[in-house]
Amino acid sequence: MGVKIGARRRSRPRSRRRQLVKIAVGVLPEVAMLKMRGYPPAGNVVVRCRQGHLFTTIWIPGASVKAARLGWWRFQRCPVGRHWSLVTPVKRSVLTEEELRSADENRDIRIP
């Protein structure tokens, strides 16, 4: 009986490590892709929906509470057009002052 308990204790750290490795394997490519393309890796990010609306959302690589992740895209509600759409990050440097102001004024719900 004591041997089995000890065996369980030794296997737990390994399973935790495996879980952490799986999470890292899922998150690191997204972070790397964002950085290579010149986007911030996380935080408040300007996104564009398929209808062209700009708004600011919280972007957390590897996680999503208010959107369905589909690789590079996310399917979430657009607060500007009040519709559901695929959204992608937009570089702030390519936007005009008016577009930046509009994106900053239009934020989705603050739940991360």
PDB file of N, CA and C in Angstrom:
ATOM      1  N   MET A   1       0.821  -1.188   0.000  1.00  0.00           N
ATOM      2  CA  MET A   1       0.000   0.000   0.000  1.00  0.00           C
ATOM      3  C   MET A   1       0.872   1.263   0.000  1.00  0.00           C
ATOM      4  N   GLY A   2       1.942   1.292   0.836  1.00  0.00           N
ATOM      5  CA  GLY A   2       2.835   2.442   0.893  1.00  0.00           C
ATOM      6  C   GLY A   2       3.572   2.670  -0.413  1.00  0.00           C
ATOM      7  N   VAL A   3       3.848   1.612  -1.130  1.00  0.00           N
ATOM      8  CA  VAL A   3       4.559   1.724  -2.402  1.00  0.00           C
ATOM      9  C   VAL A   3       3.693   2.434  -3.432  1.00  0.00           C
ATOM     10  N   LYS A   4       2.420   2.112  -3.462  1.00  0.00           N
ATOM     11  CA  LYS A   4       1.524   2.738  -4.426  1.00  0.00           C
ATOM     12  C   LYS A   4       1.367   4.227  -4.161  1.00  0.00           C
ATOM     13  N   ILE A   5       1.274   4.615  -2.896  1.00  0.00           N
ATOM     14  CA  ILE A   5       1.141   6.035  -2.567  1.00  0.00           C
ATOM     15  C   ILE A   5       2.393   6.781  -3.001  1.00  0.00           C
ATOM     16  N   GLY A   6       3.547   6.216  -2.725  1.00  0.00           N
ATOM     17  CA  GLY A   6       4.792   6.850  -3.141  1.00  0.00           C
ATOM     18  C   GLY A   6       4.888   6.982  -4.651  1.00  0.00           C
ATOM     19  N   ALA A   7       4.405   5.976  -5.363  1.00  0.00           N
ATOM     20  CA  ALA A   7       4.435   6.015  -6.830  1.00  0.00           C
ATOM     21  C   ALA A   7       3.546   7.136  -7.347  1.00  0.00           C
ATOM     22  N   ARG A   8       2.433   7.349  -6.712  1.00  0.00           N
ATOM     23  CA  ARG A   8       1.543   8.431  -7.125  1.00  0.00           C
ATOM     24  C   ARG A   8       2.184   9.791  -6.908  1.00  0.00           C
ATOM     25  N   ARG A   9       2.846   9.935  -5.800  1.00  0.00           N
ATOM     26  CA  ARG A   9       3.485  11.215  -5.510  1.00  0.00           C
ATOM     27  C   ARG A   9       4.564  11.532  -6.539  1.00  0.00           C
ATOM     28  N   ARG A  10       5.297  10.533  -6.955  1.00  0.00           N
ATOM     29  CA  ARG A  10       6.340  10.770  -7.950  1.00  0.00           C
ATOM     30  C   ARG A  10       5.761  11.087  -9.323  1.00  0.00           C
ATOM     31  N   SER A  11       4.605  10.553  -9.637  1.00  0.00           N
ATOM     32  CA  SER A  11       4.033  10.781 -10.968  1.00  0.00           C
ATOM     33  C   SER A  11       3.360  12.138 -11.086  1.00  0.00           C
ATOM     34  N   ARG A  12       2.941  12.734  -9.997  1.00  0.00           N
ATOM     35  CA  ARG A  12       2.260  14.032 -10.061  1.00  0.00           C
ATOM     36  C   ARG A  12       3.143  15.144 -10.626  1.00  0.00           C
ATOM     37  N   PRO A  13       4.359  15.309 -10.138  1.00  0.00           N
ATOM     38  CA  PRO A  13       5.188  16.368 -10.730  1.00  0.00           C
ATOM     39  C   PRO A  13       5.421  16.168 -12.223  1.00  0.00           C
ATOM     40  N   ARG A  14       5.563  14.931 -12.649  1.00  0.00           N
ATOM     41  CA  ARG A  14       5.749  14.672 -14.079  1.00  0.00           C
ATOM     42  C   ARG A  14       4.523  15.084 -14.866  1.00  0.00           C
ATOM     43  N   SER A  15       3.338  14.772 -14.345  1.00  0.00           N
ATOM     44  CA  SER A  15       2.121  15.144 -15.074  1.00  0.00           C
ATOM     45  C   SER A  15       1.954  16.658 -15.102  1.00  0.00           C
ATOM     46  N   ARG A  16       2.355  17.340 -14.049  1.00  0.00           N
ATOM     47  CA  ARG A  16       2.303  18.807 -14.037  1.00  0.00           C
ATOM     48  C   ARG A  16       3.265  19.378 -15.065  1.00  0.00           C
ATOM     49  N   ARG A  17       4.441  18.789 -15.129  1.00  0.00           N
ATOM     50  CA  ARG A  17       5.412  19.236 -16.129  1.00  0.00           C
ATOM     51  C   ARG A  17       4.870  19.019 -17.537  1.00  0.00           C
ATOM     52  N   ARG A  18       4.257  17.887 -17.742  1.00  0.00           N
ATOM     53  CA  ARG A  18       3.679  17.607 -19.061  1.00  0.00           C
ATOM     54  C   ARG A  18       2.608  18.627 -19.409  1.00  0.00           C
ATOM     55  N   GLN A  19       1.779  18.971 -18.438  1.00  0.00           N
ATOM     56  CA  GLN A  19       0.738  19.969 -18.675  1.00  0.00           C
ATOM     57  C   GLN A  19       1.357  21.314 -19.018  1.00  0.00           C
ATOM     58  N   LEU A  20       2.388  21.707 -18.286  1.00  0.00           N
ATOM     59  CA  LEU A  20       3.059  22.972 -18.567  1.00  0.00           C
ATOM     60  C   LEU A  20       3.704  22.960 -19.944  1.00  0.00           C
ATOM     61  N   VAL A  21       4.287  21.843 -20.320  1.00  0.00           N
ATOM     62  CA  VAL A  21       4.891  21.732 -21.651  1.00  0.00           C
ATOM     63  C   VAL A  21       3.820  21.856 -22.727  1.00  0.00           C
ATOM     64  N   LYS A  22       2.682  21.209 -22.537  1.00  0.00           N
ATOM     65  CA  LYS A  22       1.582  21.305 -23.511  1.00  0.00           C
ATOM     66  C   LYS A  22       1.092  22.738 -23.647  1.00  0.00           C
ATOM     67  N   ILE A  23       0.958  23.435 -22.526  1.00  0.00           N
ATOM     68  CA  ILE A  23       0.520  24.831 -22.565  1.00  0.00           C
ATOM     69  C   ILE A  23       1.546  25.682 -23.300  1.00  0.00           C
ATOM     70  N   ALA A  24       2.825  25.488 -22.980  1.00  0.00           N
ATOM     71  CA  ALA A  24       3.881  26.262 -23.627  1.00  0.00           C
ATOM     72  C   ALA A  24       3.921  25.995 -25.127  1.00  0.00           C
ATOM     73  N   VAL A  25       3.765  24.742 -25.521  1.00  0.00           N
ATOM     74  CA  VAL A  25       3.766  24.396 -26.943  1.00  0.00           C
ATOM     75  C   VAL A  25       2.595  25.064 -27.665  1.00  0.00           C
ATOM     76  N   GLY A  26       1.476  25.243 -26.971  1.00  0.00           N
ATOM     77  CA  GLY A  26       0.322  25.891 -27.578  1.00  0.00           C
ATOM     78  C   GLY A  26       0.420  27.404 -27.615  1.00  0.00           C
ATOM     79  N   VAL A  27       1.047  28.002 -26.601  1.00  0.00           N
ATOM     80  CA  VAL A  27       1.083  29.457 -26.475  1.00  0.00           C
ATOM     81  C   VAL A  27       2.281  30.084 -27.181  1.00  0.00           C
ATOM     82  N   LEU A  28       3.445  29.485 -27.067  1.00  0.00           N
ATOM     83  CA  LEU A  28       4.657  30.095 -27.614  1.00  0.00           C
ATOM     84  C   LEU A  28       4.599  30.368 -29.119  1.00  0.00           C
ATOM     85  N   PRO A  29       4.070  29.470 -29.938  1.00  0.00           N
ATOM     86  CA  PRO A  29       3.995  29.803 -31.370  1.00  0.00           C
ATOM     87  C   PRO A  29       3.118  31.034 -31.647  1.00  0.00           C
ATOM     88  N   GLU A  30       2.027  31.182 -30.895  1.00  0.00           N
ATOM     89  CA  GLU A  30       1.168  32.355 -31.101  1.00  0.00           C
ATOM     90  C   GLU A  30       1.893  33.634 -30.692  1.00  0.00           C
ATOM     91  N   VAL A  31       2.600  33.603 -29.560  1.00  0.00           N
ATOM     92  CA  VAL A  31       3.359  34.769 -29.103  1.00  0.00           C
ATOM     93  C   VAL A  31       4.452  35.102 -30.117  1.00  0.00           C
ATOM     94  N   ALA A  32       5.156  34.099 -30.591  1.00  0.00           N
ATOM     95  CA  ALA A  32       6.224  34.316 -31.570  1.00  0.00           C
ATOM     96  C   ALA A  32       5.669  34.912 -32.864  1.00  0.00           C
ATOM     97  N   MET A  33       4.540  34.403 -33.326  1.00  0.00           N
ATOM     98  CA  MET A  33       3.941  34.911 -34.556  1.00  0.00           C
ATOM     99  C   MET A  33       3.509  36.371 -34.383  1.00  0.00           C
ATOM    100  N   LEU A  34       2.910  36.693 -33.239  1.00  0.00           N
ATOM    101  CA  LEU A  34       2.499  38.071 -32.985  1.00  0.00           C
ATOM    102  C   LEU A  34       3.704  39.007 -32.997  1.00  0.00           C
ATOM    103  N   LYS A  35       4.773  38.603 -32.313  1.00  0.00           N
ATOM    104  CA  LYS A  35       5.969  39.454 -32.243  1.00  0.00           C
ATOM    105  C   LYS A  35       6.620  39.603 -33.620  1.00  0.00           C
ATOM    106  N   MET A  36       6.688  38.517 -34.392  1.00  0.00           N
ATOM    107  CA  MET A  36       7.311  38.583 -35.719  1.00  0.00           C
ATOM    108  C   MET A  36       6.537  39.506 -36.647  1.00  0.00           C
ATOM    109  N   ARG A  37       5.237  39.550 -36.494  1.00  0.00           N
ATOM    110  CA  ARG A  37       4.410  40.401 -37.350  1.00  0.00           C
ATOM    111  C   ARG A  37       4.284  41.829 -36.824  1.00  0.00           C
ATOM    112  N   GLY A  38       4.910  42.107 -35.670  1.00  0.00           N
ATOM    113  CA  GLY A  38       4.916  43.470 -35.150  1.00  0.00           C
ATOM    114  C   GLY A  38       3.735  43.829 -34.271  1.00  0.00           C
ATOM    115  N   TYR A  39       3.034  42.837 -33.747  1.00  0.00           N
ATOM    116  CA  TYR A  39       1.905  43.090 -32.868  1.00  0.00           C
ATOM    117  C   TYR A  39       2.321  42.899 -31.425  1.00  0.00           C
ATOM    118  N   PRO A  40       1.631  43.568 -30.495  1.00  0.00           N
ATOM    119  CA  PRO A  40       1.943  43.289 -29.085  1.00  0.00           C
ATOM    120  C   PRO A  40       1.520  41.858 -28.759  1.00  0.00           C
ATOM    121  N   PRO A  41       2.284  41.146 -27.929  1.00  0.00           N
ATOM    122  CA  PRO A  41       1.969  39.749 -27.650  1.00  0.00           C
ATOM    123  C   PRO A  41       0.727  39.551 -26.793  1.00  0.00           C
ATOM    124  N   ALA A  42       0.337  40.560 -26.049  1.00  0.00           N
ATOM    125  CA  ALA A  42      -0.837  40.424 -25.183  1.00  0.00           C
ATOM    126  C   ALA A  42      -1.272  41.803 -24.711  1.00  0.00           C
ATOM    127  N   GLY A  43      -2.447  41.845 -24.099  1.00  0.00           N
ATOM    128  CA  GLY A  43      -2.960  43.098 -23.550  1.00  0.00           C
ATOM    129  C   GLY A  43      -4.032  43.693 -24.436  1.00  0.00           C
ATOM    130  N   ASN A  44      -4.183  45.000 -24.356  1.00  0.00           N
ATOM    131  CA  ASN A  44      -5.173  45.698 -25.180  1.00  0.00           C
ATOM    132  C   ASN A  44      -4.649  45.817 -26.601  1.00  0.00           C
ATOM    133  N   VAL A  45      -5.361  45.214 -27.530  1.00  0.00           N
ATOM    134  CA  VAL A  45      -4.936  45.155 -28.926  1.00  0.00           C
ATOM    135  C   VAL A  45      -6.066  45.673 -29.814  1.00  0.00           C
ATOM    136  N   VAL A  46      -5.704  46.464 -30.818  1.00  0.00           N
ATOM    137  CA  VAL A  46      -6.686  46.919 -31.805  1.00  0.00           C
ATOM    138  C   VAL A  46      -6.932  45.775 -32.769  1.00  0.00           C
ATOM    139  N   VAL A  47      -8.210  45.474 -33.010  1.00  0.00           N
ATOM    140  CA  VAL A  47      -8.576  44.414 -33.951  1.00  0.00           C
ATOM    141  C   VAL A  47      -9.571  44.955 -34.961  1.00  0.00           C
ATOM    142  N   ARG A  48      -9.651  44.248 -36.094  1.00  0.00           N
ATOM    143  CA  ARG A  48     -10.603  44.615 -37.154  1.00  0.00           C
ATOM    144  C   ARG A  48     -11.492  43.414 -37.417  1.00  0.00           C
ATOM    145  N   CYS A  49     -12.800  43.657 -37.484  1.00  0.00           N
ATOM    146  CA  CYS A  49     -13.734  42.586 -37.839  1.00  0.00           C
ATOM    147  C   CYS A  49     -13.809  42.475 -39.355  1.00  0.00           C
ATOM    148  N   ARG A  50     -14.508  41.481 -39.844  1.00  0.00           N
ATOM    149  CA  ARG A  50     -14.594  41.240 -41.289  1.00  0.00           C
ATOM    150  C   ARG A  50     -15.371  42.327 -42.031  1.00  0.00           C
ATOM    151  N   GLN A  51     -16.145  43.125 -41.292  1.00  0.00           N
ATOM    152  CA  GLN A  51     -16.855  44.234 -41.932  1.00  0.00           C
ATOM    153  C   GLN A  51     -16.047  45.525 -41.890  1.00  0.00           C
ATOM    154  N   GLY A  52     -14.830  45.467 -41.332  1.00  0.00           N
ATOM    155  CA  GLY A  52     -13.943  46.620 -41.323  1.00  0.00           C
ATOM    156  C   GLY A  52     -13.999  47.469 -40.064  1.00  0.00           C
ATOM    157  N   HIS A  53     -14.821  47.111 -39.105  1.00  0.00           N
ATOM    158  CA  HIS A  53     -14.909  47.889 -37.877  1.00  0.00           C
ATOM    159  C   HIS A  53     -13.657  47.691 -37.031  1.00  0.00           C
ATOM    160  N   LEU A  54     -13.184  48.759 -36.425  1.00  0.00           N
ATOM    161  CA  LEU A  54     -12.024  48.705 -35.542  1.00  0.00           C
ATOM    162  C   LEU A  54     -12.471  48.872 -34.098  1.00  0.00           C
ATOM    163  N   PHE A  55     -11.893  48.072 -33.220  1.00  0.00           N
ATOM    164  CA  PHE A  55     -12.153  48.226 -31.797  1.00  0.00           C
ATOM    165  C   PHE A  55     -11.003  47.625 -31.019  1.00  0.00           C
ATOM    166  N   THR A  56     -10.981  47.891 -29.731  1.00  0.00           N
ATOM    167  CA  THR A  56      -9.915  47.406 -28.866  1.00  0.00           C
ATOM    168  C   THR A  56     -10.448  46.258 -28.013  1.00  0.00           C
ATOM    169  N   THR A  57      -9.652  45.208 -27.898  1.00  0.00           N
ATOM    170  CA  THR A  57     -10.034  44.050 -27.100  1.00  0.00           C
ATOM    171  C   THR A  57      -8.833  43.560 -26.305  1.00  0.00           C
ATOM    172  N   ILE A  58      -9.083  42.735 -25.319  1.00  0.00           N
ATOM    173  CA  ILE A  58      -7.984  42.122 -24.580  1.00  0.00           C
ATOM    174  C   ILE A  58      -7.588  40.855 -25.321  1.00  0.00           C
ATOM    175  N   TRP A  59      -6.315  40.742 -25.661  1.00  0.00           N
ATOM    176  CA  TRP A  59      -5.801  39.595 -26.408  1.00  0.00           C
ATOM    177  C   TRP A  59      -4.831  38.852 -25.518  1.00  0.00           C
ATOM    178  N   ILE A  60      -5.160  37.632 -25.170  1.00  0.00           N
ATOM    179  CA  ILE A  60      -4.296  36.806 -24.329  1.00  0.00           C
ATOM    180  C   ILE A  60      -3.935  35.560 -25.133  1.00  0.00           C
ATOM    181  N   PRO A  61      -2.669  35.409 -25.512  1.00  0.00           N
ATOM    182  CA  PRO A  61      -2.279  34.231 -26.289  1.00  0.00           C
ATOM    183  C   PRO A  61      -2.586  32.937 -25.540  1.00  0.00           C
ATOM    184  N   GLY A  62      -3.173  32.003 -26.234  1.00  0.00           N
ATOM    185  CA  GLY A  62      -3.460  30.700 -25.661  1.00  0.00           C
ATOM    186  C   GLY A  62      -4.707  30.640 -24.811  1.00  0.00           C
ATOM    187  N   ALA A  63      -5.380  31.770 -24.635  1.00  0.00           N
ATOM    188  CA  ALA A  63      -6.578  31.771 -23.793  1.00  0.00           C
ATOM    189  C   ALA A  63      -7.635  32.682 -24.403  1.00  0.00           C
ATOM    190  N   SER A  64      -8.867  32.364 -24.130  1.00  0.00           N
ATOM    191  CA  SER A  64      -9.958  33.186 -24.613  1.00  0.00           C
ATOM    192  C   SER A  64     -11.215  32.869 -23.832  1.00  0.00           C
ATOM    193  N   VAL A  65     -11.811  33.885 -23.248  1.00  0.00           N
ATOM    194  CA  VAL A  65     -13.045  33.716 -22.482  1.00  0.00           C
ATOM    195  C   VAL A  65     -14.236  34.214 -23.276  1.00  0.00           C
ATOM    196  N   LYS A  66     -14.052  35.287 -24.018  1.00  0.00           N
ATOM    197  CA  LYS A  66     -15.161  35.907 -24.728  1.00  0.00           C
ATOM    198  C   LYS A  66     -15.106  35.732 -26.241  1.00  0.00           C
ATOM    199  N   ALA A  67     -14.250  34.840 -26.705  1.00  0.00           N
ATOM    200  CA  ALA A  67     -14.121  34.588 -28.137  1.00  0.00           C
ATOM    201  C   ALA A  67     -13.735  33.136 -28.364  1.00  0.00           C
ATOM    202  N   ALA A  68     -14.061  32.650 -29.541  1.00  0.00           N
ATOM    203  CA  ALA A  68     -13.635  31.305 -29.950  1.00  0.00           C
ATOM    204  C   ALA A  68     -12.364  31.466 -30.768  1.00  0.00           C
ATOM    205  N   ARG A  69     -11.296  30.798 -30.367  1.00  0.00           N
ATOM    206  CA  ARG A  69     -10.025  30.894 -31.064  1.00  0.00           C
ATOM    207  C   ARG A  69     -10.012  29.972 -32.269  1.00  0.00           C
ATOM    208  N   LEU A  70      -9.618  30.531 -33.396  1.00  0.00           N
ATOM    209  CA  LEU A  70      -9.505  29.764 -34.640  1.00  0.00           C
ATOM    210  C   LEU A  70      -8.138  30.058 -35.249  1.00  0.00           C
ATOM    211  N   GLY A  71      -7.097  29.580 -34.578  1.00  0.00           N
ATOM    212  CA  GLY A  71      -5.734  29.874 -35.038  1.00  0.00           C
ATOM    213  C   GLY A  71      -5.428  31.348 -34.855  1.00  0.00           C
ATOM    214  N   TRP A  72      -5.056  32.015 -35.945  1.00  0.00           N
ATOM    215  CA  TRP A  72      -4.711  33.431 -35.923  1.00  0.00           C
ATOM    216  C   TRP A  72      -5.938  34.308 -35.680  1.00  0.00           C
ATOM    217  N   TRP A  73      -7.104  33.837 -36.031  1.00  0.00           N
ATOM    218  CA  TRP A  73      -8.328  34.613 -35.896  1.00  0.00           C
ATOM    219  C   TRP A  73      -9.054  34.276 -34.609  1.00  0.00           C
ATOM    220  N   ARG A  74      -9.974  35.153 -34.263  1.00  0.00           N
ATOM    221  CA  ARG A  74     -10.883  34.889 -33.144  1.00  0.00           C
ATOM    222  C   ARG A  74     -12.283  35.271 -33.590  1.00  0.00           C
ATOM    223  N   PHE A  75     -13.223  34.470 -33.179  1.00  0.00           N
ATOM    224  CA  PHE A  75     -14.628  34.733 -33.492  1.00  0.00           C
ATOM    225  C   PHE A  75     -15.242  35.349 -32.251  1.00  0.00           C
ATOM    226  N   GLN A  76     -15.583  36.632 -32.337  1.00  0.00           N
ATOM    227  CA  GLN A  76     -16.140  37.315 -31.179  1.00  0.00           C
ATOM    228  C   GLN A  76     -17.098  38.408 -31.612  1.00  0.00           C
ATOM    229  N   ARG A  77     -17.790  38.962 -30.634  1.00  0.00           N
ATOM    230  CA  ARG A  77     -18.772  39.993 -30.899  1.00  0.00           C
ATOM    231  C   ARG A  77     -18.083  41.326 -31.167  1.00  0.00           C
ATOM    232  N   CYS A  78     -18.495  41.985 -32.240  1.00  0.00           N
ATOM    233  CA  CYS A  78     -17.990  43.306 -32.601  1.00  0.00           C
ATOM    234  C   CYS A  78     -18.889  44.336 -31.921  1.00  0.00           C
ATOM    235  N   PRO A  79     -18.338  45.163 -31.021  1.00  0.00           N
ATOM    236  CA  PRO A  79     -19.172  46.145 -30.339  1.00  0.00           C
ATOM    237  C   PRO A  79     -19.581  47.318 -31.231  1.00  0.00           C
ATOM    238  N   VAL A  80     -18.911  47.507 -32.344  1.00  0.00           N
ATOM    239  CA  VAL A  80     -19.225  48.618 -33.249  1.00  0.00           C
ATOM    240  C   VAL A  80     -20.459  48.279 -34.078  1.00  0.00           C
ATOM    241  N   GLY A  81     -20.419  47.135 -34.771  1.00  0.00           N
ATOM    242  CA  GLY A  81     -21.528  46.733 -35.629  1.00  0.00           C
ATOM    243  C   GLY A  81     -22.548  45.861 -34.920  1.00  0.00           C
ATOM    244  N   ARG A  82     -22.251  45.487 -33.682  1.00  0.00           N
ATOM    245  CA  ARG A  82     -23.129  44.626 -32.880  1.00  0.00           C
ATOM    246  C   ARG A  82     -23.479  43.338 -33.617  1.00  0.00           C
ATOM    247  N   HIS A  83     -22.425  42.679 -34.076  1.00  0.00           N
ATOM    248  CA  HIS A  83     -22.573  41.405 -34.778  1.00  0.00           C
ATOM    249  C   HIS A  83     -21.422  40.501 -34.377  1.00  0.00           C
ATOM    250  N   TRP A  84     -21.518  39.226 -34.702  1.00  0.00           N
ATOM    251  CA  TRP A  84     -20.435  38.275 -34.450  1.00  0.00           C
ATOM    252  C   TRP A  84     -19.602  38.172 -35.711  1.00  0.00           C
ATOM    253  N   SER A  85     -18.264  38.148 -35.543  1.00  0.00           N
ATOM    254  CA  SER A  85     -17.387  38.142 -36.705  1.00  0.00           C
ATOM    255  C   SER A  85     -16.010  37.603 -36.341  1.00  0.00           C
ATOM    256  N   LEU A  86     -15.258  37.216 -37.363  1.00  0.00           N
ATOM    257  CA  LEU A  86     -13.845  36.893 -37.177  1.00  0.00           C
ATOM    258  C   LEU A  86     -13.091  38.213 -37.026  1.00  0.00           C
ATOM    259  N   VAL A  87     -12.172  38.271 -36.066  1.00  0.00           N
ATOM    260  CA  VAL A  87     -11.376  39.471 -35.875  1.00  0.00           C
ATOM    261  C   VAL A  87      -9.896  39.102 -35.930  1.00  0.00           C
ATOM    262  N   THR A  88      -9.085  40.059 -36.374  1.00  0.00           N
ATOM    263  CA  THR A  88      -7.639  39.880 -36.432  1.00  0.00           C
ATOM    264  C   THR A  88      -6.971  41.131 -35.870  1.00  0.00           C
ATOM    265  N   PRO A  89      -5.789  40.993 -35.279  1.00  0.00           N
ATOM    266  CA  PRO A  89      -5.072  42.165 -34.763  1.00  0.00           C
ATOM    267  C   PRO A  89      -4.669  43.111 -35.895  1.00  0.00           C
ATOM    268  N   VAL A  90      -4.565  44.380 -35.558  1.00  0.00           N
ATOM    269  CA  VAL A  90      -4.151  45.409 -36.510  1.00  0.00           C
ATOM    270  C   VAL A  90      -2.994  46.176 -35.877  1.00  0.00           C
ATOM    271  N   LYS A  91      -1.972  46.452 -36.666  1.00  0.00           N
ATOM    272  CA  LYS A  91      -0.846  47.246 -36.164  1.00  0.00           C
ATOM    273  C   LYS A  91      -1.306  48.689 -35.975  1.00  0.00           C
ATOM    274  N   ARG A  92      -1.031  49.244 -34.814  1.00  0.00           N
ATOM    275  CA  ARG A  92      -1.408  50.626 -34.535  1.00  0.00           C
ATOM    276  C   ARG A  92      -0.667  51.586 -35.479  1.00  0.00           C
ATOM    277  N   SER A  93       0.525  51.205 -35.901  1.00  0.00           N
ATOM    278  CA  SER A  93       1.341  52.085 -36.743  1.00  0.00           C
ATOM    279  C   SER A  93       0.752  52.303 -38.136  1.00  0.00           C
ATOM    280  N   VAL A  94      -0.120  51.421 -38.599  1.00  0.00           N
ATOM    281  CA  VAL A  94      -0.686  51.574 -39.942  1.00  0.00           C
ATOM    282  C   VAL A  94      -2.034  52.300 -39.924  1.00  0.00           C
ATOM    283  N   LEU A  95      -2.515  52.655 -38.749  1.00  0.00           N
ATOM    284  CA  LEU A  95      -3.811  53.313 -38.638  1.00  0.00           C
ATOM    285  C   LEU A  95      -3.654  54.832 -38.600  1.00  0.00           C
ATOM    286  N   THR A  96      -4.652  55.527 -39.138  1.00  0.00           N
ATOM    287  CA  THR A  96      -4.663  56.986 -39.060  1.00  0.00           C
ATOM    288  C   THR A  96      -5.063  57.409 -37.646  1.00  0.00           C
ATOM    289  N   GLU A  97      -4.878  58.679 -37.337  1.00  0.00           N
ATOM    290  CA  GLU A  97      -5.267  59.199 -36.014  1.00  0.00           C
ATOM    291  C   GLU A  97      -6.765  58.981 -35.772  1.00  0.00           C
ATOM    292  N   GLU A  98      -7.561  59.180 -36.796  1.00  0.00           N
ATOM    293  CA  GLU A  98      -9.012  58.999 -36.666  1.00  0.00           C
ATOM    294  C   GLU A  98      -9.358  57.531 -36.385  1.00  0.00           C
ATOM    295  N   GLU A  99      -8.697  56.613 -37.087  1.00  0.00           N
ATOM    296  CA  GLU A  99      -8.943  55.185 -36.862  1.00  0.00           C
ATOM    297  C   GLU A  99      -8.506  54.763 -35.457  1.00  0.00           C
ATOM    298  N   LEU A 100      -7.358  55.276 -35.001  1.00  0.00           N
ATOM    299  CA  LEU A 100      -6.893  54.975 -33.645  1.00  0.00           C
ATOM    300  C   LEU A 100      -7.876  55.494 -32.600  1.00  0.00           C
ATOM    301  N   ARG A 101      -8.358  56.703 -32.798  1.00  0.00           N
ATOM    302  CA  ARG A 101      -9.324  57.292 -31.863  1.00  0.00           C
ATOM    303  C   ARG A 101     -10.598  56.459 -31.828  1.00  0.00           C
ATOM    304  N   SER A 102     -11.057  56.046 -32.989  1.00  0.00           N
ATOM    305  CA  SER A 102     -12.259  55.218 -33.065  1.00  0.00           C
ATOM    306  C   SER A 102     -12.058  53.876 -32.369  1.00  0.00           C
ATOM    307  N   ALA A 103     -10.905  53.248 -32.596  1.00  0.00           N
ATOM    308  CA  ALA A 103     -10.621  51.955 -31.968  1.00  0.00           C
ATOM    309  C   ALA A 103     -10.530  52.090 -30.455  1.00  0.00           C
ATOM    310  N   ASP A 104      -9.914  53.179 -29.980  1.00  0.00           N
ATOM    311  CA  ASP A 104      -9.781  53.388 -28.543  1.00  0.00           C
ATOM    312  C   ASP A 104     -11.129  53.702 -27.891  1.00  0.00           C
ATOM    313  N   GLU A 105     -12.011  54.346 -28.625  1.00  0.00           N
ATOM    314  CA  GLU A 105     -13.342  54.666 -28.090  1.00  0.00           C
ATOM    315  C   GLU A 105     -14.255  53.445 -28.069  1.00  0.00           C
ATOM    316  N   ASN A 106     -14.027  52.525 -28.981  1.00  0.00           N
ATOM    317  CA  ASN A 106     -14.869  51.327 -29.087  1.00  0.00           C
ATOM    318  C   ASN A 106     -14.131  50.138 -28.500  1.00  0.00           C
ATOM    319  N   ARG A 107     -14.462  49.817 -27.279  1.00  0.00           N
ATOM    320  CA  ARG A 107     -13.854  48.682 -26.580  1.00  0.00           C
ATOM    321  C   ARG A 107     -14.920  47.639 -26.346  1.00  0.00           C
ATOM    322  N   ASP A 108     -14.509  46.381 -26.435  1.00  0.00           N
ATOM    323  CA  ASP A 108     -15.465  45.334 -26.111  1.00  0.00           C
ATOM    324  C   ASP A 108     -15.550  45.199 -24.593  1.00  0.00           C
ATOM    325  N   ILE A 109     -16.337  44.261 -24.125  1.00  0.00           N
ATOM    326  CA  ILE A 109     -16.492  44.118 -22.681  1.00  0.00           C
ATOM    327  C   ILE A 109     -15.148  43.805 -22.039  1.00  0.00           C
ATOM    328  N   ARG A 110     -14.931  44.240 -20.839  1.00  0.00           N
ATOM    329  CA  ARG A 110     -13.628  44.168 -20.195  1.00  0.00           C
ATOM    330  C   ARG A 110     -13.328  42.828 -19.533  1.00  0.00           C
ATOM    331  N   ILE A 111     -14.141  41.856 -19.717  1.00  0.00           N
ATOM    332  CA  ILE A 111     -13.867  40.534 -19.159  1.00  0.00           C
ATOM    333  C   ILE A 111     -12.763  39.901 -19.978  1.00  0.00           C
ATOM    334  N   PRO A 112     -11.629  39.543 -19.349  1.00  0.00           N
ATOM    335  CA  PRO A 112     -10.541  38.935 -20.114  1.00  0.00           C
ATOM    336  C   PRO A 112     -10.852  37.536 -20.556  1.00  0.00           C
TER     337      PRO A 112
END
